[in-house]
N, C-alpha and C. Protein backbone atom coordinates (compact mmCIF):
# COMPACT_ATOMS: atom_id res chain seq x y z
N UNK A 1 166.33 99.35 35.29
CA UNK A 1 165.27 98.95 36.18
C UNK A 1 163.95 99.50 35.65
N UNK A 2 162.94 98.66 35.63
CA UNK A 2 161.63 99.07 35.15
C UNK A 2 160.92 99.92 36.19
N UNK A 3 160.08 100.80 35.70
CA UNK A 3 159.29 101.64 36.59
C UNK A 3 158.18 100.81 37.24
N UNK A 4 157.74 101.18 38.44
CA UNK A 4 156.61 100.47 39.06
C UNK A 4 155.36 100.59 38.19
N UNK A 5 154.48 99.61 38.32
CA UNK A 5 153.23 99.64 37.56
C UNK A 5 152.05 99.57 38.53
N UNK A 6 150.92 99.99 38.08
CA UNK A 6 149.70 99.90 38.88
C UNK A 6 149.18 98.47 38.86
N UNK A 7 148.52 98.06 39.92
CA UNK A 7 147.98 96.72 39.99
C UNK A 7 146.59 96.58 39.40
N UNK A 8 145.99 97.67 38.96
CA UNK A 8 144.58 97.61 38.55
C UNK A 8 144.33 96.82 37.27
N UNK A 9 145.37 96.55 36.50
CA UNK A 9 145.18 95.82 35.25
C UNK A 9 145.61 94.36 35.32
N UNK A 10 145.82 93.85 36.52
CA UNK A 10 146.18 92.44 36.67
C UNK A 10 145.04 91.53 36.23
N UNK A 11 145.40 90.30 35.88
CA UNK A 11 144.36 89.37 35.43
C UNK A 11 144.80 87.94 35.68
N UNK A 12 143.87 87.13 36.16
CA UNK A 12 144.06 85.70 36.36
C UNK A 12 143.23 84.96 35.33
N UNK A 13 143.89 84.05 34.60
CA UNK A 13 143.22 83.16 33.65
C UNK A 13 143.32 81.74 34.18
N UNK A 14 142.21 81.01 34.19
CA UNK A 14 142.19 79.62 34.66
C UNK A 14 141.35 78.79 33.71
N UNK A 15 141.77 77.55 33.47
CA UNK A 15 140.93 76.60 32.71
C UNK A 15 139.80 76.16 33.64
N UNK A 16 138.61 76.68 33.40
CA UNK A 16 137.45 76.35 34.23
C UNK A 16 136.51 75.36 33.54
N UNK A 17 137.00 74.68 32.51
CA UNK A 17 136.15 73.69 31.84
C UNK A 17 135.92 72.49 32.76
N UNK A 18 134.83 71.80 32.57
CA UNK A 18 134.46 70.68 33.44
C UNK A 18 135.55 69.62 33.52
N UNK A 19 136.19 69.31 32.40
CA UNK A 19 137.21 68.27 32.36
C UNK A 19 138.63 68.81 32.51
N UNK A 20 138.77 70.11 32.71
CA UNK A 20 140.08 70.76 32.84
C UNK A 20 140.95 70.54 31.62
N UNK A 21 140.33 70.53 30.44
CA UNK A 21 141.09 70.34 29.21
C UNK A 21 140.77 71.43 28.18
N UNK A 22 140.26 72.56 28.65
CA UNK A 22 139.90 73.65 27.76
C UNK A 22 140.92 74.77 27.80
N UNK A 23 140.52 75.90 27.28
CA UNK A 23 141.37 77.08 27.29
C UNK A 23 141.24 77.79 28.63
N UNK A 24 142.30 78.44 29.05
CA UNK A 24 142.23 79.25 30.25
C UNK A 24 141.48 80.53 29.92
N UNK A 25 140.48 80.84 30.74
CA UNK A 25 139.63 82.01 30.53
C UNK A 25 139.84 83.01 31.67
N UNK A 26 139.62 84.30 31.40
CA UNK A 26 139.79 85.28 32.48
C UNK A 26 138.76 85.06 33.59
N UNK A 27 139.21 85.18 34.83
CA UNK A 27 138.32 85.08 35.98
C UNK A 27 137.83 86.48 36.30
N UNK A 28 136.52 86.66 36.32
CA UNK A 28 135.97 88.00 36.50
C UNK A 28 135.88 88.39 37.98
N UNK A 29 135.80 89.66 38.22
CA UNK A 29 135.54 90.27 39.52
C UNK A 29 136.65 90.10 40.56
N UNK A 30 137.85 89.74 40.14
CA UNK A 30 138.94 89.65 41.11
C UNK A 30 139.56 91.02 41.33
N UNK A 31 140.10 91.23 42.54
CA UNK A 31 140.78 92.48 42.82
C UNK A 31 142.13 92.28 43.52
N UNK A 32 142.55 91.00 43.65
CA UNK A 32 143.82 90.73 44.30
C UNK A 32 144.30 89.33 43.96
N UNK A 33 145.61 89.20 43.75
CA UNK A 33 146.20 87.86 43.67
C UNK A 33 147.65 87.94 44.12
N UNK A 34 148.18 86.80 44.53
CA UNK A 34 149.57 86.73 44.94
C UNK A 34 150.21 85.48 44.39
N UNK A 35 151.52 85.54 44.24
CA UNK A 35 152.33 84.39 43.83
C UNK A 35 153.45 84.28 44.85
N UNK A 36 153.55 83.14 45.50
CA UNK A 36 154.59 82.90 46.50
C UNK A 36 155.50 81.79 45.98
N UNK A 37 156.73 82.12 45.64
CA UNK A 37 157.69 81.14 45.15
C UNK A 37 158.80 81.00 46.19
N UNK A 38 158.92 79.81 46.75
CA UNK A 38 159.90 79.56 47.79
C UNK A 38 160.66 78.28 47.46
N UNK A 39 161.69 78.03 48.23
CA UNK A 39 162.45 76.78 48.11
C UNK A 39 162.63 76.20 49.50
N UNK A 40 162.62 74.87 49.58
CA UNK A 40 162.97 74.23 50.84
C UNK A 40 164.41 74.57 51.17
N UNK A 41 164.69 74.69 52.45
CA UNK A 41 166.06 74.93 52.90
C UNK A 41 166.40 73.88 53.94
N UNK A 42 167.53 73.22 53.74
CA UNK A 42 168.00 72.23 54.69
C UNK A 42 169.25 72.78 55.36
N UNK A 43 169.22 72.80 56.67
CA UNK A 43 170.38 73.30 57.40
C UNK A 43 171.52 72.28 57.34
N UNK A 44 172.71 72.75 56.99
CA UNK A 44 173.89 71.89 56.89
C UNK A 44 175.06 72.48 57.69
N UNK A 45 174.75 73.16 58.78
CA UNK A 45 175.78 73.77 59.61
C UNK A 45 176.65 72.69 60.23
N UNK A 46 177.95 72.89 60.18
CA UNK A 46 178.92 71.92 60.72
C UNK A 46 179.69 72.53 61.87
N UNK A 47 180.34 71.65 62.64
CA UNK A 47 181.21 72.13 63.72
C UNK A 47 182.24 73.10 63.14
N UNK A 48 182.46 74.19 63.85
CA UNK A 48 183.46 75.17 63.43
C UNK A 48 182.92 76.25 62.51
N UNK A 49 181.73 76.08 61.93
CA UNK A 49 181.15 77.14 61.09
C UNK A 49 180.90 78.38 61.93
N UNK A 50 181.05 79.55 61.34
CA UNK A 50 180.82 80.80 62.07
C UNK A 50 179.40 81.32 61.89
N UNK A 51 178.64 80.69 61.03
CA UNK A 51 177.25 81.03 60.82
C UNK A 51 176.51 79.79 60.35
N UNK A 52 175.21 79.80 60.45
CA UNK A 52 174.45 78.66 59.94
C UNK A 52 174.61 78.59 58.43
N UNK A 53 174.53 77.38 57.89
CA UNK A 53 174.64 77.18 56.44
C UNK A 53 173.44 76.35 55.97
N UNK A 54 172.98 76.63 54.78
CA UNK A 54 171.81 75.96 54.22
C UNK A 54 172.08 75.57 52.78
N UNK A 55 171.40 74.53 52.33
CA UNK A 55 171.37 74.19 50.91
C UNK A 55 169.91 74.26 50.46
N UNK A 56 169.73 74.67 49.22
CA UNK A 56 168.38 74.79 48.68
C UNK A 56 167.86 73.43 48.23
N UNK A 57 166.59 73.22 48.48
CA UNK A 57 165.93 71.98 48.07
C UNK A 57 164.96 72.24 46.94
N UNK A 58 163.84 71.59 47.00
CA UNK A 58 162.82 71.72 45.95
C UNK A 58 162.15 73.09 45.97
N UNK A 59 161.84 73.57 44.79
CA UNK A 59 161.10 74.82 44.65
C UNK A 59 159.62 74.56 44.90
N UNK A 60 158.91 75.58 45.33
CA UNK A 60 157.47 75.51 45.56
C UNK A 60 156.84 76.78 45.01
N UNK A 61 155.60 76.68 44.60
CA UNK A 61 154.85 77.85 44.17
C UNK A 61 153.41 77.69 44.66
N UNK A 62 152.93 78.73 45.30
CA UNK A 62 151.56 78.79 45.79
C UNK A 62 151.09 80.22 45.67
N UNK A 63 149.81 80.43 45.85
CA UNK A 63 149.30 81.78 45.80
C UNK A 63 147.89 81.88 46.30
N UNK A 64 147.40 83.11 46.28
CA UNK A 64 146.05 83.43 46.74
C UNK A 64 145.38 84.34 45.73
N UNK A 65 144.07 84.42 45.82
CA UNK A 65 143.30 85.35 45.00
C UNK A 65 142.06 85.75 45.77
N UNK A 66 141.50 86.91 45.45
CA UNK A 66 140.26 87.32 46.09
C UNK A 66 139.55 88.34 45.21
N UNK A 67 138.28 88.49 45.47
CA UNK A 67 137.45 89.44 44.73
C UNK A 67 135.99 89.24 45.10
N UNK A 68 135.14 89.46 44.15
CA UNK A 68 133.70 89.37 44.38
C UNK A 68 133.11 88.19 43.63
N UNK A 69 132.16 87.54 44.24
CA UNK A 69 131.53 86.34 43.70
C UNK A 69 130.85 86.65 42.37
N UNK A 70 131.00 85.74 41.43
CA UNK A 70 130.39 85.86 40.10
C UNK A 70 129.40 84.73 39.94
N UNK A 71 128.12 85.04 40.09
CA UNK A 71 127.07 84.01 40.02
C UNK A 71 127.03 83.32 38.68
N UNK A 72 127.45 84.00 37.62
CA UNK A 72 127.42 83.41 36.28
C UNK A 72 128.73 82.74 35.91
N UNK A 73 129.74 82.84 36.76
CA UNK A 73 131.06 82.31 36.43
C UNK A 73 131.19 80.83 36.73
N UNK A 74 132.19 80.22 36.13
CA UNK A 74 132.43 78.78 36.33
C UNK A 74 133.46 78.53 37.42
N UNK A 75 134.03 79.59 37.98
CA UNK A 75 135.04 79.43 39.03
C UNK A 75 134.49 78.62 40.20
N UNK A 76 133.32 78.97 40.67
CA UNK A 76 132.71 78.29 41.81
C UNK A 76 132.39 76.84 41.49
N UNK A 77 131.93 76.57 40.30
CA UNK A 77 131.47 75.23 39.95
C UNK A 77 132.61 74.24 39.77
N UNK A 78 133.70 74.65 39.15
CA UNK A 78 134.72 73.68 38.75
C UNK A 78 136.08 73.81 39.42
N UNK A 79 136.50 74.99 39.77
CA UNK A 79 137.89 75.18 40.15
C UNK A 79 138.28 74.43 41.42
N UNK A 80 137.41 74.34 42.39
CA UNK A 80 137.76 73.69 43.67
C UNK A 80 137.43 72.20 43.67
N UNK A 81 137.54 71.55 42.53
CA UNK A 81 137.18 70.13 42.44
C UNK A 81 138.38 69.20 42.63
N UNK A 82 139.55 69.75 42.89
CA UNK A 82 140.74 68.92 43.12
C UNK A 82 141.48 68.53 41.86
N UNK A 83 140.99 68.95 40.70
CA UNK A 83 141.63 68.64 39.43
C UNK A 83 142.66 69.73 39.12
N UNK A 84 143.85 69.33 38.71
CA UNK A 84 144.88 70.30 38.34
C UNK A 84 144.44 71.06 37.09
N UNK A 85 144.55 72.37 37.13
CA UNK A 85 144.10 73.22 36.02
C UNK A 85 145.19 74.21 35.64
N UNK A 86 145.32 74.46 34.33
CA UNK A 86 146.33 75.41 33.88
C UNK A 86 145.87 76.84 34.22
N UNK A 87 146.86 77.69 34.46
CA UNK A 87 146.56 79.07 34.79
C UNK A 87 147.65 79.99 34.26
N UNK A 88 147.28 81.26 34.16
CA UNK A 88 148.18 82.34 33.76
C UNK A 88 147.86 83.54 34.64
N UNK A 89 148.86 84.14 35.24
CA UNK A 89 148.70 85.34 36.06
C UNK A 89 149.45 86.48 35.39
N UNK A 90 148.72 87.50 34.99
CA UNK A 90 149.31 88.66 34.34
C UNK A 90 149.30 89.86 35.29
N UNK A 91 150.44 90.42 35.63
CA UNK A 91 150.43 91.61 36.48
C UNK A 91 149.90 92.84 35.75
N UNK A 92 149.93 92.82 34.42
CA UNK A 92 149.51 93.98 33.65
C UNK A 92 148.92 93.52 32.32
N UNK A 93 147.73 92.96 32.35
CA UNK A 93 147.09 92.46 31.13
C UNK A 93 146.62 93.62 30.25
N UNK A 94 146.64 93.41 28.95
CA UNK A 94 146.11 94.40 28.02
C UNK A 94 146.98 95.63 27.86
N UNK A 95 148.26 95.53 28.15
CA UNK A 95 149.14 96.69 28.03
C UNK A 95 150.46 96.26 27.40
N UNK A 96 151.42 97.12 27.50
CA UNK A 96 152.75 96.79 26.96
C UNK A 96 153.38 95.63 27.70
N UNK A 97 152.91 95.32 28.90
CA UNK A 97 153.48 94.23 29.70
C UNK A 97 152.72 92.92 29.53
N UNK A 98 151.87 92.81 28.52
CA UNK A 98 151.03 91.63 28.37
C UNK A 98 151.87 90.36 28.22
N UNK A 99 153.10 90.48 27.78
CA UNK A 99 153.96 89.32 27.62
C UNK A 99 154.68 88.91 28.91
N UNK A 100 154.37 89.56 30.02
CA UNK A 100 154.97 89.24 31.31
C UNK A 100 153.93 88.53 32.16
N UNK A 101 154.25 87.30 32.56
CA UNK A 101 153.24 86.53 33.30
C UNK A 101 153.86 85.31 33.96
N UNK A 102 153.12 84.72 34.89
CA UNK A 102 153.43 83.43 35.48
C UNK A 102 152.48 82.42 34.88
N UNK A 103 152.93 81.17 34.71
CA UNK A 103 152.03 80.14 34.20
C UNK A 103 152.41 78.79 34.76
N UNK A 104 151.45 77.90 34.77
CA UNK A 104 151.67 76.54 35.25
C UNK A 104 150.36 75.81 35.38
N UNK A 105 150.36 74.76 36.18
CA UNK A 105 149.17 73.99 36.48
C UNK A 105 149.07 73.88 37.99
N UNK A 106 147.86 74.03 38.53
CA UNK A 106 147.70 74.04 39.97
C UNK A 106 146.36 73.44 40.38
N UNK A 107 146.28 73.04 41.64
CA UNK A 107 145.00 72.69 42.24
C UNK A 107 144.55 73.90 43.04
N UNK A 108 143.23 74.01 43.24
CA UNK A 108 142.63 75.24 43.74
C UNK A 108 141.69 74.97 44.91
N UNK A 109 141.64 75.91 45.82
CA UNK A 109 140.65 75.93 46.90
C UNK A 109 139.88 77.23 46.78
N UNK A 110 138.62 77.21 47.19
CA UNK A 110 137.76 78.38 47.02
C UNK A 110 136.92 78.59 48.27
N UNK A 111 136.80 79.85 48.71
CA UNK A 111 135.95 80.22 49.83
C UNK A 111 135.02 81.33 49.37
N UNK A 112 133.76 81.22 49.71
CA UNK A 112 132.78 82.27 49.42
C UNK A 112 132.29 82.82 50.76
N UNK A 113 132.32 84.15 50.90
CA UNK A 113 131.94 84.80 52.14
C UNK A 113 130.82 85.80 51.87
N UNK A 114 129.82 85.76 52.72
CA UNK A 114 128.69 86.66 52.57
C UNK A 114 128.35 87.27 53.91
N UNK A 115 128.16 88.60 53.94
CA UNK A 115 127.74 89.30 55.15
C UNK A 115 126.52 90.15 54.83
N UNK A 116 125.79 90.53 55.87
CA UNK A 116 124.60 91.36 55.70
C UNK A 116 124.95 92.71 55.09
N UNK A 117 126.06 93.27 55.52
CA UNK A 117 126.41 94.62 55.12
C UNK A 117 127.41 94.73 53.98
N UNK A 118 127.64 93.67 53.23
CA UNK A 118 128.65 93.78 52.19
C UNK A 118 128.34 92.92 50.98
N UNK A 119 129.18 93.04 50.00
CA UNK A 119 129.05 92.24 48.77
C UNK A 119 129.50 90.81 49.06
N UNK A 120 128.97 89.86 48.31
CA UNK A 120 129.41 88.48 48.42
C UNK A 120 130.81 88.40 47.81
N UNK A 121 131.74 87.81 48.56
CA UNK A 121 133.13 87.76 48.14
C UNK A 121 133.58 86.33 47.90
N UNK A 122 134.54 86.18 47.00
CA UNK A 122 135.19 84.89 46.74
C UNK A 122 136.67 85.07 46.98
N UNK A 123 137.28 84.06 47.57
CA UNK A 123 138.72 84.07 47.75
C UNK A 123 139.19 82.63 47.72
N UNK A 124 140.45 82.46 47.57
CA UNK A 124 140.97 81.10 47.54
C UNK A 124 142.47 81.07 47.43
N UNK A 125 142.95 79.86 47.27
CA UNK A 125 144.39 79.66 47.14
C UNK A 125 144.65 78.59 46.09
N UNK A 126 145.87 78.57 45.63
CA UNK A 126 146.29 77.55 44.67
C UNK A 126 147.67 77.03 45.07
N UNK A 127 147.93 75.80 44.66
CA UNK A 127 149.24 75.19 44.91
C UNK A 127 149.66 74.48 43.62
N UNK A 128 150.90 74.67 43.25
CA UNK A 128 151.41 74.14 41.98
C UNK A 128 151.34 72.62 41.93
N UNK A 129 150.95 72.12 40.77
CA UNK A 129 151.03 70.68 40.51
C UNK A 129 152.05 70.39 39.41
N UNK A 130 152.57 71.45 38.80
CA UNK A 130 153.70 71.39 37.86
C UNK A 130 154.61 72.57 38.20
N UNK A 131 155.68 72.72 37.47
CA UNK A 131 156.51 73.91 37.64
C UNK A 131 155.70 75.15 37.32
N UNK A 132 155.94 76.20 38.08
CA UNK A 132 155.35 77.51 37.77
C UNK A 132 156.49 78.37 37.26
N UNK A 133 156.31 78.89 36.06
CA UNK A 133 157.36 79.64 35.39
C UNK A 133 156.97 81.09 35.22
N UNK A 134 157.97 81.95 35.10
CA UNK A 134 157.76 83.37 34.91
C UNK A 134 158.35 83.75 33.56
N UNK A 135 157.57 84.45 32.77
CA UNK A 135 158.00 84.93 31.46
C UNK A 135 158.02 86.45 31.50
N UNK A 136 159.12 87.04 31.10
CA UNK A 136 159.21 88.49 31.08
C UNK A 136 159.37 88.96 29.66
N UNK A 137 158.49 89.84 29.25
CA UNK A 137 158.50 90.35 27.88
C UNK A 137 159.72 91.19 27.61
């Protein structure tokens, strides 16, 4: 079993090019992301069963991200345009775990929040448009 790692070196890379056909670049100023991988479940309980029974259906992958707004970044301009974009999520970028990551293509939503007493923040969510895979180094 691997030892726990700190989350401070995580990194999200997204293709933020206008046509979504460029290289995935690191998204700056983020401090949180999540990956939610679930499967549909269909109940198939029959008469006489002693417990409910389910079969697995299609897999799903979605996630969230948050951090601080980057006025010079392309995240705000292009990512929430409805175009599927490739991405890579590294739980430990720039270390011995650099070969461990999730990747796929997703559509993105983005929210920018500003308050009088705080920094301008960006957050959003993504939903898979292709399979999302996990690679472990």
